[in-house]
Amino acid sequence: MRKLTTFAAIAVLMAGSVNAFADGTPSLKDKPVAAPTPDWDIAFGGSLASNYMFRGISQSANWPSGSAYTEIRYNIQPTLQLYSGISIESIDYPNRAASETDF
């Protein structure tokens, strides 16, 4: 009886492994072709923070702060790129400055 149980368990495991290979996934021989890199790349985004901290000092007077950024990249050659970016954060300084702009 023990041999029959062992044989049945092995048969179930083998049947499960056959299904794993028959699901239509590509084999290791099929290598994906990389898409060509575009000349222009643009990224943008924003965020909200409960407190804008820099080196342990609140830049937003312990109030919530928002930020936004945009980045532009141009590929001149595969090894040479031009890049530009700008970021704006809301702040609250004693001199009443309202934003910090980084280029």
N, C-alpha and C. Protein backbone atom coordinates (compact mmCIF):
# COMPACT_ATOMS: atom_id res chain seq x y z
N MET A 1 0.82 -1.19 0.00
CA MET A 1 0.00 0.00 0.00
C MET A 1 0.86 1.26 0.00
N ARG A 2 1.99 1.19 0.72
CA ARG A 2 2.87 2.35 0.81
C ARG A 2 3.48 2.67 -0.55
N LYS A 3 3.82 1.60 -1.34
CA LYS A 3 4.38 1.83 -2.68
C LYS A 3 3.36 2.50 -3.58
N LEU A 4 2.11 2.11 -3.45
CA LEU A 4 1.06 2.70 -4.28
C LEU A 4 0.85 4.18 -3.95
N THR A 5 0.90 4.54 -2.69
CA THR A 5 0.76 5.94 -2.28
C THR A 5 1.93 6.77 -2.79
N THR A 6 3.13 6.25 -2.66
CA THR A 6 4.32 6.95 -3.15
C THR A 6 4.25 7.14 -4.66
N PHE A 7 3.85 6.08 -5.38
CA PHE A 7 3.74 6.16 -6.82
C PHE A 7 2.68 7.19 -7.24
N ALA A 8 1.56 7.24 -6.53
CA ALA A 8 0.50 8.19 -6.84
C ALA A 8 0.97 9.63 -6.61
N ALA A 9 1.72 9.86 -5.53
CA ALA A 9 2.23 11.20 -5.25
C ALA A 9 3.22 11.64 -6.32
N ILE A 10 4.08 10.74 -6.76
CA ILE A 10 5.05 11.08 -7.82
C ILE A 10 4.32 11.36 -9.13
N ALA A 11 3.28 10.57 -9.43
CA ALA A 11 2.53 10.79 -10.67
C ALA A 11 1.83 12.15 -10.66
N VAL A 12 1.29 12.56 -9.52
CA VAL A 12 0.62 13.86 -9.42
C VAL A 12 1.64 14.98 -9.61
N LEU A 13 2.80 14.85 -9.01
CA LEU A 13 3.84 15.88 -9.17
C LEU A 13 4.31 15.97 -10.61
N MET A 14 4.48 14.86 -11.26
CA MET A 14 4.92 14.87 -12.66
C MET A 14 3.85 15.48 -13.57
N ALA A 15 2.61 15.19 -13.31
CA ALA A 15 1.53 15.75 -14.13
C ALA A 15 1.46 17.26 -13.97
N GLY A 16 1.70 17.76 -12.77
CA GLY A 16 1.71 19.20 -12.54
C GLY A 16 2.87 19.88 -13.24
N SER A 17 4.02 19.23 -13.32
CA SER A 17 5.17 19.85 -13.97
C SER A 17 5.00 19.88 -15.48
N VAL A 18 4.29 18.92 -16.05
CA VAL A 18 4.04 18.93 -17.49
C VAL A 18 3.17 20.12 -17.86
N ASN A 19 2.19 20.44 -17.05
CA ASN A 19 1.32 21.59 -17.33
C ASN A 19 2.09 22.90 -17.27
N ALA A 20 3.12 22.97 -16.45
CA ALA A 20 3.89 24.20 -16.35
C ALA A 20 4.62 24.50 -17.66
N PHE A 21 5.06 23.48 -18.38
CA PHE A 21 5.77 23.70 -19.63
C PHE A 21 4.82 23.85 -20.82
N ALA A 22 3.58 23.44 -20.67
CA ALA A 22 2.64 23.49 -21.78
C ALA A 22 1.78 24.76 -21.77
N ASP A 23 2.17 25.78 -20.99
CA ASP A 23 1.33 26.97 -20.90
C ASP A 23 1.62 28.00 -21.97
N GLY A 24 2.56 27.76 -22.86
CA GLY A 24 2.81 28.67 -23.96
C GLY A 24 3.82 29.75 -23.66
N THR A 25 4.52 29.70 -22.53
CA THR A 25 5.54 30.71 -22.24
C THR A 25 6.72 30.49 -23.17
N PRO A 26 7.41 31.55 -23.56
CA PRO A 26 8.54 31.39 -24.47
C PRO A 26 9.69 30.66 -23.78
N SER A 27 10.42 29.92 -24.55
CA SER A 27 11.56 29.20 -24.00
C SER A 27 12.75 30.15 -23.88
N LEU A 28 13.82 29.64 -23.33
CA LEU A 28 15.03 30.46 -23.18
C LEU A 28 15.68 30.78 -24.52
N LYS A 29 15.32 30.02 -25.57
CA LYS A 29 15.89 30.28 -26.89
C LYS A 29 15.33 31.55 -27.51
N ASP A 30 14.07 31.89 -27.17
CA ASP A 30 13.43 33.08 -27.72
C ASP A 30 13.88 34.31 -26.94
N LYS A 31 14.77 35.11 -27.51
CA LYS A 31 15.27 36.30 -26.84
C LYS A 31 14.44 37.51 -27.27
N PRO A 32 14.00 38.33 -26.32
CA PRO A 32 13.22 39.51 -26.70
C PRO A 32 14.11 40.53 -27.40
N VAL A 33 13.53 41.21 -28.36
CA VAL A 33 14.25 42.24 -29.10
C VAL A 33 14.01 43.57 -28.40
N ALA A 34 15.09 44.28 -28.08
CA ALA A 34 14.98 45.57 -27.39
C ALA A 34 14.45 46.63 -28.35
N ALA A 35 13.55 47.45 -27.85
CA ALA A 35 13.01 48.55 -28.64
C ALA A 35 14.07 49.63 -28.81
N PRO A 36 14.09 50.32 -29.93
CA PRO A 36 15.08 51.39 -30.11
C PRO A 36 14.82 52.54 -29.12
N THR A 37 15.88 53.14 -28.66
CA THR A 37 15.77 54.24 -27.71
C THR A 37 15.33 55.50 -28.44
N PRO A 38 14.28 56.17 -27.97
CA PRO A 38 13.83 57.40 -28.64
C PRO A 38 14.84 58.53 -28.42
N ASP A 39 14.85 59.50 -29.37
CA ASP A 39 15.76 60.63 -29.24
C ASP A 39 15.36 61.55 -28.09
N TRP A 40 14.06 61.78 -27.91
CA TRP A 40 13.57 62.67 -26.85
C TRP A 40 12.95 61.86 -25.73
N ASP A 41 13.15 62.33 -24.50
CA ASP A 41 12.53 61.71 -23.34
C ASP A 41 12.08 62.83 -22.40
N ILE A 42 10.81 62.80 -22.01
CA ILE A 42 10.26 63.84 -21.13
C ILE A 42 9.67 63.15 -19.91
N ALA A 43 10.00 63.65 -18.73
CA ALA A 43 9.45 63.12 -17.48
C ALA A 43 8.90 64.30 -16.67
N PHE A 44 7.80 64.07 -15.99
CA PHE A 44 7.23 65.12 -15.14
C PHE A 44 6.47 64.45 -14.01
N GLY A 45 6.25 65.20 -12.95
CA GLY A 45 5.52 64.65 -11.82
C GLY A 45 5.38 65.67 -10.71
N GLY A 46 4.79 65.23 -9.64
CA GLY A 46 4.59 66.10 -8.50
C GLY A 46 4.41 65.27 -7.23
N SER A 47 4.41 65.95 -6.10
CA SER A 47 4.23 65.24 -4.84
C SER A 47 3.67 66.19 -3.79
N LEU A 48 3.11 65.60 -2.77
CA LEU A 48 2.65 66.32 -1.59
C LEU A 48 3.37 65.72 -0.38
N ALA A 49 3.79 66.58 0.53
CA ALA A 49 4.48 66.13 1.73
C ALA A 49 3.83 66.76 2.95
N SER A 50 3.83 66.05 4.05
CA SER A 50 3.24 66.60 5.27
C SER A 50 4.13 67.69 5.87
N ASN A 51 5.43 67.66 5.56
CA ASN A 51 6.36 68.67 6.04
C ASN A 51 7.61 68.59 5.17
N TYR A 52 8.03 69.70 4.58
CA TYR A 52 9.23 69.73 3.74
C TYR A 52 10.44 69.96 4.63
N MET A 53 11.21 68.89 4.86
CA MET A 53 12.38 68.95 5.74
C MET A 53 13.66 68.90 4.90
N PHE A 54 14.65 69.72 5.28
CA PHE A 54 15.98 69.68 4.67
C PHE A 54 17.00 69.73 5.79
N ARG A 55 17.75 68.66 5.94
CA ARG A 55 18.78 68.54 6.98
C ARG A 55 18.21 68.80 8.37
N GLY A 56 17.00 68.31 8.61
CA GLY A 56 16.39 68.42 9.92
C GLY A 56 15.71 69.74 10.21
N ILE A 57 15.66 70.64 9.25
CA ILE A 57 15.02 71.95 9.45
C ILE A 57 13.81 72.03 8.52
N SER A 58 12.67 72.42 9.07
CA SER A 58 11.45 72.52 8.27
C SER A 58 11.55 73.72 7.33
N GLN A 59 11.35 73.45 6.04
CA GLN A 59 11.34 74.51 5.04
C GLN A 59 9.93 75.05 4.81
N SER A 60 8.93 74.38 5.39
CA SER A 60 7.54 74.79 5.18
C SER A 60 6.85 75.19 6.49
N ALA A 61 7.62 75.57 7.49
CA ALA A 61 7.10 76.00 8.79
C ALA A 61 6.17 74.95 9.40
N ASN A 62 6.54 73.67 9.24
CA ASN A 62 5.78 72.53 9.76
C ASN A 62 4.38 72.42 9.18
N TRP A 63 4.18 72.92 7.97
CA TRP A 63 2.92 72.81 7.25
C TRP A 63 3.13 71.91 6.03
N PRO A 64 2.06 71.41 5.42
CA PRO A 64 2.21 70.60 4.20
C PRO A 64 2.85 71.41 3.06
N SER A 65 3.52 70.68 2.17
CA SER A 65 4.24 71.31 1.06
C SER A 65 4.00 70.49 -0.21
N GLY A 66 3.97 71.18 -1.33
CA GLY A 66 3.82 70.52 -2.62
C GLY A 66 5.03 70.78 -3.49
N SER A 67 5.27 69.90 -4.44
CA SER A 67 6.38 70.10 -5.38
C SER A 67 6.00 69.55 -6.74
N ALA A 68 6.65 70.08 -7.76
CA ALA A 68 6.45 69.63 -9.14
C ALA A 68 7.79 69.69 -9.86
N TYR A 69 7.97 68.79 -10.83
CA TYR A 69 9.23 68.78 -11.59
C TYR A 69 8.96 68.40 -13.03
N THR A 70 9.89 68.76 -13.89
CA THR A 70 9.89 68.30 -15.27
C THR A 70 11.35 68.15 -15.71
N GLU A 71 11.59 67.12 -16.50
CA GLU A 71 12.93 66.83 -17.00
C GLU A 71 12.84 66.52 -18.49
N ILE A 72 13.77 67.05 -19.25
CA ILE A 72 13.81 66.82 -20.70
C ILE A 72 15.21 66.31 -21.04
N ARG A 73 15.25 65.24 -21.85
CA ARG A 73 16.54 64.69 -22.28
C ARG A 73 16.51 64.47 -23.79
N TYR A 74 17.62 64.80 -24.44
CA TYR A 74 17.76 64.56 -25.87
C TYR A 74 19.02 63.74 -26.11
N ASN A 75 18.88 62.62 -26.82
CA ASN A 75 20.02 61.75 -27.14
C ASN A 75 20.65 62.21 -28.45
N ILE A 76 21.82 62.81 -28.36
CA ILE A 76 22.54 63.22 -29.57
C ILE A 76 23.12 61.98 -30.23
N GLN A 77 23.78 61.14 -29.43
CA GLN A 77 24.34 59.86 -29.84
C GLN A 77 24.01 58.87 -28.72
N PRO A 78 24.25 57.58 -28.92
CA PRO A 78 23.97 56.64 -27.84
C PRO A 78 24.78 56.91 -26.56
N THR A 79 25.92 57.57 -26.69
CA THR A 79 26.75 57.84 -25.51
C THR A 79 26.79 59.31 -25.13
N LEU A 80 26.03 60.18 -25.81
CA LEU A 80 26.05 61.61 -25.54
C LEU A 80 24.61 62.13 -25.45
N GLN A 81 24.29 62.80 -24.32
CA GLN A 81 22.93 63.28 -24.10
C GLN A 81 22.96 64.72 -23.60
N LEU A 82 21.90 65.47 -23.93
CA LEU A 82 21.65 66.78 -23.35
C LEU A 82 20.51 66.64 -22.36
N TYR A 83 20.60 67.29 -21.22
CA TYR A 83 19.61 67.13 -20.15
C TYR A 83 19.29 68.49 -19.55
N SER A 84 18.00 68.70 -19.24
CA SER A 84 17.57 69.90 -18.56
C SER A 84 16.45 69.53 -17.61
N GLY A 85 16.45 70.14 -16.44
CA GLY A 85 15.40 69.84 -15.48
C GLY A 85 15.09 71.05 -14.61
N ILE A 86 13.86 71.13 -14.14
CA ILE A 86 13.45 72.19 -13.24
C ILE A 86 12.53 71.58 -12.19
N SER A 87 12.66 72.07 -10.97
CA SER A 87 11.85 71.59 -9.85
C SER A 87 11.40 72.78 -9.02
N ILE A 88 10.14 72.77 -8.60
CA ILE A 88 9.59 73.86 -7.80
C ILE A 88 8.95 73.26 -6.56
N GLU A 89 9.30 73.78 -5.39
CA GLU A 89 8.75 73.33 -4.12
C GLU A 89 8.12 74.52 -3.40
N SER A 90 7.02 74.28 -2.71
CA SER A 90 6.42 75.36 -1.93
C SER A 90 7.09 75.40 -0.56
N ILE A 91 7.42 76.61 -0.09
CA ILE A 91 8.11 76.80 1.18
C ILE A 91 7.42 77.92 1.96
N ASP A 92 7.84 78.10 3.19
CA ASP A 92 7.33 79.20 4.01
C ASP A 92 8.49 79.68 4.87
N TYR A 93 9.18 80.71 4.41
CA TYR A 93 10.32 81.28 5.14
C TYR A 93 9.88 82.55 5.88
N PRO A 94 10.66 82.96 6.86
CA PRO A 94 10.33 84.23 7.56
C PRO A 94 10.34 85.44 6.65
N ASN A 95 11.08 85.39 5.53
CA ASN A 95 11.11 86.54 4.61
C ASN A 95 9.95 86.48 3.61
N ARG A 96 8.96 85.61 3.84
CA ARG A 96 7.73 85.47 3.06
C ARG A 96 7.97 84.89 1.67
N ALA A 97 9.09 84.21 1.46
CA ALA A 97 9.31 83.52 0.19
C ALA A 97 8.30 82.38 0.06
N ALA A 98 7.74 82.20 -1.12
CA ALA A 98 6.67 81.22 -1.29
C ALA A 98 7.11 79.95 -2.02
N SER A 99 8.24 80.03 -2.77
CA SER A 99 8.64 78.84 -3.51
C SER A 99 10.16 78.78 -3.63
N GLU A 100 10.62 77.55 -3.82
CA GLU A 100 12.04 77.30 -4.08
C GLU A 100 12.09 76.69 -5.48
N THR A 101 12.93 77.25 -6.34
CA THR A 101 13.04 76.78 -7.71
C THR A 101 14.46 76.31 -7.95
N ASP A 102 14.59 75.05 -8.42
CA ASP A 102 15.89 74.47 -8.70
C ASP A 102 15.99 74.17 -10.19
N PHE A 103 17.10 74.61 -10.81
CA PHE A 103 17.34 74.35 -12.22
C PHE A 103 18.40 73.29 -12.34
